[in-house]
Amino acid sequence: MTDENSLRHRFRSVRSLSETLCEPLHPDDYGLQAMPDASPAKWHLAHTTWFFETFVLLPYLRGYQVYHPRFHDLFNSYYQSVGSPFTRSRRGLLSRPTSTEIYAYRAHVDRRMNDLLTEPAGDAALRLIELGLHHEQQHQELILTDIKYNLSCNPMKPAWRERVAGNTRKGPAQVTDRKWLGFDSGVHWIGADQEDFSFDNEEPRHRVWLDRFEIASAPVTCGEYLQFVEAGGYHKHEYWLSEGWDLLQQRLPGEQTREEPLYWLPNGAKGQLYTLNGVRPMALDEPVVHLSYFEADAYAKWASARLPTEAEWEVAARALSGAAHDGPFLEDEIDHPVAGASSMLGNVWEWTSSAYLPYPGFQPLRGAIGEYNGKFMCNQFVLRGGSFATPRGHIRASYRNFFPPAARWQFTGLRLARCV
């Protein structure tokens, strides 16, 4: 169990990073919500604060009084056990409280959390604080995914922050010189080992049988995906699952086309894409990103391969991923996935073919906090590996992210697998 001193230091560091991510925003940016899934930045800042107030300060700090009684519902995401969450799709209507008030709320809760951690807090409180820190790290990535989508709907295509783009090489679309890495049939262990922090959906650790398979040494690149686009992949129903094909016939608000990845600019801007750094030339050797599960699955079929199962992915990641050289991650301060990073941790989330379901023997956490993961185990697919926007200490080989198959605004790509 982490002690109060080290946890107090981590608490300050994590909370500070959330605010650092918002420093490039203008006051009018804080309240943007261009679609129901892309929450305003100030809501993320408030909700992560609400989490500590609700689940840590109220039960464990003697005499604590809530900062504002209306915040209890306004910044509750989906915890029915502790109140009536404000409707997700209407978060962008909350012009009040202002972002200035939200920062005051954060400062108040941070001071009281410091008070709590000054004295022995007890194991139960420390476990919840640890969970709260990992929860906030999840929202740090969501701050970036959401502000990117919200800003992208502006015809001016403003940047989140102005930086020099790291990789803007152009040239013919070429297949990456990747290798197929083989794994023999056998019984393998997957899931969290419980030596360090893990979410409840990573447990319990259990055995799986895997037939022999191969997995690519690097994710699919923009150049490779461009070949699929230019070969008419979006017009050939044989590559697509039925629901994905139906979505191709639709046009979502804020999207000009469904015939290329989200943020690839169409028509006269071909070869350009929108990043957190603004619009820049596409680098054909960097990983393709912002794909739905349907797009990733269709590409894999076109490439005479398939998506890996999450068990295959985890077995390969444990065998191939190192430690310090993995990435890039959020702390590396880049604004888009980079070419040449073949690690399975960091850079770009990778779709698997596995539905998000409980592991054998799964038990959600007790109490209201048990709503964190378990109740979403339906109609979602598992993503693995993290991205360049994932905090370095937050990701691990057993980490299970999950999204609906049509979602594209997350930093999602793919790595191919095949049977042998």
Protein backbone atom coordinates (compact mmCIF):
# COMPACT_ATOMS: atom_id res chain seq x y z
CA MET A 1 0.00 0.00 0.00
CA THR A 2 1.30 3.47 -0.92
CA ASP A 3 2.00 5.73 2.09
CA GLU A 4 0.55 9.19 2.64
CA ASN A 5 3.76 11.08 1.79
CA SER A 6 4.34 9.51 -1.61
CA LEU A 7 0.64 9.69 -2.43
CA ARG A 8 0.52 13.38 -1.51
CA HIS A 9 3.37 14.04 -3.95
CA ARG A 10 1.65 12.05 -6.71
CA PHE A 11 -1.64 13.80 -6.00
CA ARG A 12 -0.08 17.22 -6.56
CA SER A 13 1.69 16.04 -9.71
CA VAL A 14 -1.38 14.48 -11.34
CA ARG A 15 -3.69 17.35 -10.45
CA SER A 16 -1.17 19.89 -11.74
CA LEU A 17 -0.83 18.09 -15.08
CA SER A 18 -4.58 18.29 -15.74
CA GLU A 19 -4.41 22.06 -15.39
CA THR A 20 -1.26 22.26 -17.50
CA LEU A 21 -3.11 20.53 -20.35
CA CYS A 22 -5.73 23.28 -20.22
CA GLU A 23 -3.29 26.21 -20.20
CA PRO A 24 -3.33 26.61 -24.02
CA LEU A 25 -7.13 26.99 -24.01
CA HIS A 26 -8.83 30.35 -24.41
CA PRO A 27 -11.68 31.13 -22.00
CA ASP A 28 -14.29 30.41 -24.67
CA ASP A 29 -12.78 26.98 -25.35
CA TYR A 30 -13.54 25.59 -21.90
CA GLY A 31 -17.26 25.12 -22.48
CA LEU A 32 -17.24 23.62 -25.99
CA GLN A 33 -19.18 20.40 -26.57
CA ALA A 34 -19.52 19.62 -30.28
CA MET A 35 -21.08 16.18 -29.75
CA PRO A 36 -22.49 14.29 -26.73
CA ASP A 37 -19.36 12.14 -26.28
CA ALA A 38 -16.93 15.09 -26.29
CA SER A 39 -17.32 16.77 -22.91
CA PRO A 40 -16.19 20.35 -22.25
CA ALA A 41 -12.71 20.75 -20.78
CA LYS A 42 -14.05 22.51 -17.70
CA TRP A 43 -16.40 19.58 -17.06
CA HIS A 44 -13.42 17.20 -16.97
CA LEU A 45 -11.65 19.51 -14.50
CA ALA A 46 -14.75 19.62 -12.32
CA HIS A 47 -15.69 15.93 -12.54
CA THR A 48 -12.26 14.68 -11.48
CA THR A 49 -12.51 17.05 -8.51
CA TRP A 50 -16.02 15.81 -7.73
CA PHE A 51 -14.63 12.28 -7.62
CA PHE A 52 -12.24 13.11 -4.77
CA GLU A 53 -14.83 15.17 -2.94
CA THR A 54 -17.54 12.51 -3.20
CA PHE A 55 -15.61 9.30 -2.66
CA VAL A 56 -12.74 10.47 -0.42
CA LEU A 57 -13.37 13.73 1.44
CA LEU A 58 -17.01 13.23 2.41
CA PRO A 59 -16.54 9.79 3.97
CA TYR A 60 -12.98 10.17 5.32
CA LEU A 61 -12.33 13.81 6.29
CA ARG A 62 -14.13 14.59 9.52
CA GLY A 63 -16.47 17.58 9.27
CA TYR A 64 -16.02 18.10 5.53
CA GLN A 65 -18.79 20.15 3.89
CA VAL A 66 -19.40 20.05 0.13
CA TYR A 67 -18.06 23.03 -1.79
CA HIS A 68 -21.38 23.66 -3.58
CA PRO A 69 -24.51 21.50 -3.21
CA ARG A 70 -25.47 21.75 -6.91
CA PHE A 71 -22.06 20.44 -8.00
CA HIS A 72 -23.01 17.05 -6.58
CA ASP A 73 -25.27 16.32 -9.56
CA LEU A 74 -23.78 18.65 -12.20
CA PHE A 75 -20.42 16.87 -12.20
CA ASN A 76 -21.56 13.33 -11.49
CA SER A 77 -20.83 11.33 -14.64
CA TYR A 78 -22.88 8.13 -14.27
CA TYR A 79 -22.95 7.10 -10.61
CA GLN A 80 -26.63 6.43 -9.96
CA SER A 81 -25.84 5.25 -6.43
CA VAL A 82 -24.83 8.71 -5.25
CA GLY A 83 -27.25 11.04 -7.03
CA SER A 84 -28.86 12.07 -10.30
CA PRO A 85 -26.17 12.69 -12.95
CA PHE A 86 -26.66 15.72 -15.18
CA THR A 87 -27.40 14.65 -18.75
CA ARG A 88 -24.15 14.01 -20.62
CA SER A 89 -25.28 15.55 -23.90
CA ARG A 90 -26.15 18.83 -22.14
CA ARG A 91 -22.82 19.50 -20.44
CA GLY A 92 -22.01 22.15 -23.04
CA LEU A 93 -24.99 24.20 -21.84
CA LEU A 94 -23.37 24.86 -18.46
CA SER A 95 -21.96 28.34 -18.99
CA ARG A 96 -22.11 28.61 -15.21
CA PRO A 97 -20.19 27.74 -13.14
CA THR A 98 -17.44 29.46 -15.09
CA SER A 99 -14.01 27.95 -15.61
CA THR A 100 -12.72 30.40 -12.99
CA GLU A 101 -15.16 28.95 -10.47
CA ILE A 102 -14.10 25.43 -11.46
CA TYR A 103 -10.46 26.25 -10.74
CA ALA A 104 -11.51 27.62 -7.33
CA TYR A 105 -13.37 24.36 -6.70
CA ARG A 106 -10.25 22.37 -7.59
CA ALA A 107 -8.08 24.49 -5.29
CA HIS A 108 -10.51 24.01 -2.40
CA VAL A 109 -10.65 20.24 -2.79
CA ASP A 110 -6.87 20.03 -3.23
CA ARG A 111 -6.32 21.88 0.06
CA ARG A 112 -8.65 19.56 1.92
CA MET A 113 -7.07 16.49 0.30
CA ASN A 114 -3.70 17.75 1.55
CA ASP A 115 -5.23 18.01 5.03
CA LEU A 116 -6.43 14.41 4.77
CA LEU A 117 -3.03 13.15 3.63
CA THR A 118 -1.18 15.01 6.38
CA GLU A 119 -2.42 12.47 8.91
CA PRO A 120 -2.76 8.67 8.61
CA ALA A 121 -5.73 8.20 6.31
CA GLY A 122 -6.21 4.45 6.50
CA ASP A 123 -5.91 1.81 3.80
CA ALA A 124 -9.47 2.22 2.48
CA ALA A 125 -9.00 5.94 1.86
CA LEU A 126 -5.58 5.43 0.30
CA ARG A 127 -6.98 2.84 -2.13
CA LEU A 128 -9.70 5.28 -3.21
CA ILE A 129 -7.17 8.09 -3.66
CA GLU A 130 -5.05 5.79 -5.84
CA LEU A 131 -8.15 4.96 -7.89
CA GLY A 132 -8.99 8.66 -8.12
CA LEU A 133 -5.53 9.48 -9.48
CA HIS A 134 -5.80 6.85 -12.21
CA HIS A 135 -9.32 8.12 -12.92
CA GLU A 136 -7.94 11.62 -13.40
CA GLN A 137 -5.21 10.29 -15.69
CA GLN A 138 -7.94 8.75 -17.86
CA HIS A 139 -9.57 12.17 -18.04
CA GLN A 140 -6.28 13.82 -18.98
CA GLU A 141 -6.33 11.87 -22.22
CA LEU A 142 -10.03 12.63 -22.63
CA ILE A 143 -9.33 16.35 -22.24
CA LEU A 144 -7.12 16.10 -25.34
CA THR A 145 -9.39 13.83 -27.39
CA ASP A 146 -12.42 15.98 -26.61
CA ILE A 147 -10.83 19.39 -27.15
CA LYS A 148 -9.41 18.12 -30.45
CA TYR A 149 -12.87 17.12 -31.66
CA ASN A 150 -14.48 20.29 -30.33
CA LEU A 151 -11.92 22.54 -32.02
CA SER A 152 -11.97 20.53 -35.25
CA CYS A 153 -15.58 21.50 -35.87
CA ASN A 154 -14.45 25.12 -36.24
CA PRO A 155 -13.79 25.86 -39.96
CA MET A 156 -10.64 27.74 -38.90
CA LYS A 157 -9.21 24.45 -37.59
CA PRO A 158 -7.47 26.08 -34.62
CA ALA A 159 -4.65 24.32 -32.82
CA TRP A 160 -4.86 23.29 -29.18
CA ARG A 161 -1.33 24.61 -28.86
CA GLU A 162 1.15 25.95 -31.38
CA ARG A 163 4.15 23.65 -31.68
CA VAL A 164 6.52 22.56 -34.41
CA ALA A 165 5.17 19.37 -35.97
CA GLY A 166 7.58 16.51 -35.42
CA ASN A 167 7.01 14.32 -38.46
CA THR A 168 5.84 15.78 -41.75
CA ARG A 169 7.65 13.64 -44.29
CA LYS A 170 5.78 13.03 -47.53
CA GLY A 171 6.26 10.57 -50.34
CA PRO A 172 4.78 7.55 -52.08
CA ALA A 173 2.52 5.35 -50.00
CA GLN A 174 4.75 2.45 -49.03
CA VAL A 175 4.23 -0.63 -46.93
CA THR A 176 6.20 -0.48 -43.70
CA ASP A 177 9.07 -2.94 -43.42
CA ARG A 178 7.39 -4.78 -40.57
CA LYS A 179 7.82 -8.35 -39.44
CA TRP A 180 5.36 -11.04 -38.44
CA LEU A 181 6.12 -12.22 -34.90
CA GLY A 182 5.02 -15.77 -34.14
CA PHE A 183 3.65 -17.23 -30.90
CA ASP A 184 3.17 -20.93 -30.33
CA SER A 185 -0.03 -22.63 -29.24
CA GLY A 186 -0.41 -23.10 -25.52
CA VAL A 187 -1.85 -21.95 -22.23
CA HIS A 188 -1.10 -18.35 -21.25
CA TRP A 189 -1.85 -16.14 -18.27
CA ILE A 190 -3.57 -12.79 -18.83
CA GLY A 191 -4.93 -10.14 -16.50
CA ALA A 192 -3.46 -7.97 -13.76
CA ASP A 193 -0.89 -9.56 -11.47
CA GLN A 194 -2.10 -7.45 -8.48
CA GLU A 195 1.43 -6.37 -7.56
CA ASP A 196 0.64 -2.82 -8.68
CA PHE A 197 -2.55 -0.84 -9.24
CA SER A 198 -5.11 -2.23 -11.66
CA PHE A 199 -8.76 -1.58 -12.43
CA ASP A 200 -11.31 -4.21 -11.46
CA ASN A 201 -11.96 -5.08 -15.13
CA GLU A 202 -8.36 -6.36 -15.44
CA GLU A 203 -9.02 -9.02 -12.82
CA PRO A 204 -8.89 -11.83 -11.98
CA ARG A 205 -5.73 -13.09 -13.62
CA HIS A 206 -6.61 -16.28 -15.46
CA ARG A 207 -5.42 -18.78 -18.05
CA VAL A 208 -6.42 -18.86 -21.71
CA TRP A 209 -5.63 -21.27 -24.51
CA LEU A 210 -4.32 -19.67 -27.69
CA ASP A 211 -3.74 -21.39 -30.99
CA ARG A 212 -0.57 -20.43 -32.83
CA PHE A 213 -0.76 -16.90 -34.21
CA GLU A 214 1.33 -14.12 -35.64
CA ILE A 215 1.13 -10.43 -34.86
CA ALA A 216 2.67 -7.50 -36.72
CA SER A 217 5.71 -5.81 -35.21
CA ALA A 218 4.24 -2.33 -35.83
CA PRO A 219 0.83 -0.70 -36.22
CA VAL A 220 -0.68 0.08 -39.63
CA THR A 221 0.53 3.37 -41.13
CA CYS A 222 -1.23 6.21 -42.90
CA GLY A 223 0.44 5.18 -46.16
CA GLU A 224 -0.86 1.64 -45.88
CA TYR A 225 -4.34 2.80 -44.98
CA LEU A 226 -4.28 5.26 -47.88
CA GLN A 227 -3.83 2.29 -50.23
CA PHE A 228 -7.06 0.83 -48.82
CA VAL A 229 -8.85 4.14 -49.39
CA GLU A 230 -7.53 4.51 -52.94
CA ALA A 231 -8.43 0.88 -53.73
CA GLY A 232 -12.07 1.74 -53.03
CA GLY A 233 -12.19 -0.01 -49.67
CA TYR A 234 -14.97 2.26 -48.45
CA HIS A 235 -17.13 1.24 -51.42
CA LYS A 236 -16.77 -2.55 -51.18
CA HIS A 237 -19.32 -4.02 -48.82
CA GLU A 238 -17.53 -7.37 -48.60
CA TYR A 239 -14.97 -5.89 -46.19
CA TRP A 240 -17.50 -4.38 -43.81
CA LEU A 241 -19.65 -5.60 -40.98
CA SER A 242 -23.31 -4.78 -41.58
CA GLU A 243 -23.58 -2.01 -38.99
CA GLY A 244 -20.35 -0.43 -40.21
CA TRP A 245 -21.55 -0.50 -43.80
CA ASP A 246 -24.82 1.17 -42.79
CA LEU A 247 -22.87 3.94 -41.07
CA LEU A 248 -20.95 4.62 -44.25
CA GLN A 249 -24.21 5.70 -45.83
CA GLN A 250 -24.71 8.32 -43.17
CA ARG A 251 -22.98 11.61 -42.45
CA LEU A 252 -22.49 12.60 -38.82
CA PRO A 253 -22.66 16.23 -37.63
CA GLY A 254 -19.31 17.93 -38.04
CA GLU A 255 -17.96 15.28 -40.45
CA GLN A 256 -17.67 15.98 -44.16
CA THR A 257 -17.15 12.39 -45.22
CA ARG A 258 -17.21 8.82 -43.97
CA GLU A 259 -14.78 7.58 -46.63
CA GLU A 260 -11.51 8.21 -44.83
CA PRO A 261 -10.32 8.42 -41.21
CA LEU A 262 -11.57 11.21 -39.00
CA TYR A 263 -9.42 14.38 -39.34
CA TRP A 264 -8.08 13.52 -42.81
CA LEU A 265 -8.97 16.63 -44.78
CA PRO A 266 -10.98 15.99 -47.97
CA ASN A 267 -11.13 17.46 -51.45
CA GLY A 268 -8.56 20.19 -52.13
CA ALA A 269 -6.77 19.50 -48.87
CA LYS A 270 -5.88 15.89 -49.71
CA GLY A 271 -2.68 14.83 -47.99
CA GLN A 272 -3.42 17.10 -45.03
CA LEU A 273 -4.72 16.13 -41.61
CA TYR A 274 -5.86 17.92 -38.50
CA THR A 275 -3.85 17.37 -35.32
CA LEU A 276 -3.73 18.95 -31.88
CA ASN A 277 -1.01 21.12 -33.46
CA GLY A 278 -3.41 22.24 -36.22
CA VAL A 279 -3.41 21.27 -39.90
CA ARG A 280 -0.23 19.79 -41.35
CA PRO A 281 0.88 17.44 -44.14
CA MET A 282 0.22 13.77 -43.54
CA ALA A 283 3.27 11.63 -42.79
CA LEU A 284 2.72 8.35 -44.61
CA ASP A 285 4.94 6.37 -42.24
CA GLU A 286 3.20 7.41 -39.02
CA PRO A 287 0.42 5.23 -37.55
CA VAL A 288 -3.06 5.76 -38.90
CA VAL A 289 -5.29 7.03 -36.10
CA HIS A 290 -8.93 7.91 -35.39
CA LEU A 291 -10.38 4.75 -36.89
CA SER A 292 -13.60 3.12 -35.77
CA TYR A 293 -13.64 -0.58 -35.00
CA PHE A 294 -15.52 -1.04 -38.27
CA GLU A 295 -12.77 0.70 -40.25
CA ALA A 296 -10.02 -1.24 -38.51
CA ASP A 297 -11.81 -4.54 -39.11
CA ALA A 298 -12.50 -3.71 -42.78
CA TYR A 299 -8.86 -2.79 -43.39
CA ALA A 300 -7.67 -6.00 -41.76
CA LYS A 301 -9.90 -8.07 -44.06
CA TRP A 302 -8.69 -6.13 -47.10
CA ALA A 303 -5.10 -6.82 -46.01
CA SER A 304 -5.82 -10.59 -45.77
CA ALA A 305 -5.35 -10.48 -42.01
CA ARG A 306 -7.48 -9.84 -38.92
CA LEU A 307 -7.51 -7.93 -35.66
CA PRO A 308 -5.86 -9.70 -32.72
CA THR A 309 -7.94 -10.89 -29.81
CA GLU A 310 -7.22 -9.05 -26.59
CA ALA A 311 -5.62 -12.20 -25.15
CA GLU A 312 -3.28 -12.47 -28.16
CA TRP A 313 -2.47 -8.80 -27.86
CA GLU A 314 -1.63 -9.04 -24.16
CA VAL A 315 0.53 -12.15 -24.57
CA ALA A 316 2.48 -10.43 -27.34
CA ALA A 317 2.80 -7.18 -25.39
CA ARG A 318 4.19 -8.93 -22.33
CA ALA A 319 6.75 -10.67 -24.50
CA LEU A 320 7.76 -7.67 -26.63
CA SER A 321 7.34 -4.47 -24.62
CA GLY A 322 10.14 -3.09 -22.53
CA ALA A 323 9.89 -0.31 -20.00
CA ALA A 324 11.62 3.07 -20.45
CA HIS A 325 11.78 2.78 -24.26
CA ASP A 326 8.04 2.24 -24.67
CA GLY A 327 5.91 5.10 -25.85
CA PRO A 328 5.65 7.93 -26.66
CA PHE A 329 3.36 9.01 -23.82
CA LEU A 330 1.70 12.18 -22.60
CA GLU A 331 4.80 13.36 -20.74
CA ASP A 332 6.77 13.36 -24.02
CA GLU A 333 4.74 16.40 -25.12
CA ILE A 334 4.01 15.47 -28.71
CA ASP A 335 0.72 16.22 -30.41
CA HIS A 336 0.22 13.22 -32.70
CA PRO A 337 1.42 9.60 -33.04
CA VAL A 338 4.94 9.31 -34.43
CA ALA A 339 6.55 7.06 -37.01
CA GLY A 340 9.04 4.39 -36.02
CA ALA A 341 7.66 3.60 -32.56
CA SER A 342 6.84 -0.10 -32.76
CA SER A 343 6.31 -0.61 -29.04
CA MET A 344 2.94 -2.02 -28.05
CA LEU A 345 2.61 0.49 -25.20
CA GLY A 346 1.95 4.13 -26.08
CA ASN A 347 1.69 6.05 -29.37
CA VAL A 348 -1.71 4.76 -30.57
CA TRP A 349 -4.55 2.70 -29.09
CA GLU A 350 -5.09 -0.56 -30.95
CA TRP A 351 -8.46 -2.16 -31.60
CA THR A 352 -8.84 -5.83 -30.79
CA SER A 353 -11.54 -8.18 -32.04
CA SER A 354 -12.70 -8.89 -28.47
CA ALA A 355 -15.99 -7.72 -27.05
CA TYR A 356 -15.65 -5.96 -23.71
CA LEU A 357 -16.89 -8.65 -21.32
CA PRO A 358 -16.06 -9.67 -17.73
CA TYR A 359 -13.22 -12.06 -17.09
CA PRO A 360 -14.13 -15.40 -15.48
CA GLY A 361 -14.78 -14.71 -11.81
CA PHE A 362 -14.97 -10.92 -12.23
CA GLN A 363 -16.32 -9.06 -9.20
CA PRO A 364 -16.90 -5.28 -9.35
CA LEU A 365 -15.71 -3.15 -6.46
CA ARG A 366 -18.15 -2.81 -3.58
CA GLY A 367 -20.42 0.16 -3.21
CA ALA A 368 -21.00 3.04 -5.61
CA ILE A 369 -17.46 2.79 -6.95
CA GLY A 370 -18.46 -0.59 -8.41
CA GLU A 371 -20.24 1.36 -11.18
CA TYR A 372 -16.83 2.37 -12.57
CA ASN A 373 -16.43 -0.41 -15.16
CA GLY A 374 -18.73 -3.39 -14.86
CA LYS A 375 -21.98 -1.86 -16.04
CA PHE A 376 -20.44 -0.94 -19.41
CA MET A 377 -19.70 -4.53 -20.38
CA CYS A 378 -22.10 -4.53 -23.31
CA ASN A 379 -21.86 -3.34 -26.94
CA GLN A 380 -18.22 -2.26 -26.61
CA PHE A 381 -14.93 -3.52 -28.02
CA VAL A 382 -11.59 -3.67 -26.24
CA LEU A 383 -8.71 -1.34 -27.06
CA ARG A 384 -5.19 -2.04 -25.85
CA GLY A 385 -1.87 -0.30 -25.42
CA GLY A 386 -2.45 3.38 -24.74
CA SER A 387 -1.46 6.34 -26.92
CA PHE A 388 0.84 9.34 -27.03
CA ALA A 389 -1.81 11.10 -24.87
CA THR A 390 -1.82 8.41 -22.16
CA PRO A 391 0.19 9.20 -19.00
CA ARG A 392 3.25 6.95 -18.80
CA GLY A 393 2.52 5.54 -15.35
CA HIS A 394 -1.09 4.81 -16.20
CA ILE A 395 -0.74 2.11 -18.85
CA ARG A 396 0.28 -1.57 -18.61
CA ALA A 397 -0.03 -4.72 -20.68
CA SER A 398 -3.20 -5.84 -18.87
CA TYR A 399 -5.01 -2.47 -19.26
CA ARG A 400 -8.45 -2.82 -20.91
CA ASN A 401 -9.88 0.28 -22.57
CA PHE A 402 -13.25 0.02 -24.28
CA PHE A 403 -15.34 2.01 -26.76
CA PRO A 404 -18.39 1.51 -28.96
CA PRO A 405 -17.41 0.19 -32.40
CA ALA A 406 -18.43 3.38 -34.22
CA ALA A 407 -16.28 5.69 -32.05
CA ARG A 408 -13.55 7.56 -33.95
CA TRP A 409 -12.53 10.57 -31.86
CA GLN A 410 -10.22 8.57 -29.59
CA PHE A 411 -6.59 8.02 -30.70
CA THR A 412 -7.39 4.59 -32.14
CA GLY A 413 -5.51 2.60 -34.77
CA LEU A 414 -4.74 -1.07 -35.38
CA ARG A 415 -2.09 -3.76 -35.49
CA LEU A 416 -2.65 -6.80 -37.73
CA ALA A 417 -2.69 -10.43 -36.68
CA ARG A 418 -3.20 -13.69 -38.53
CA CYS A 419 -3.61 -17.39 -37.94
CA VAL A 420 -0.79 -19.75 -38.98
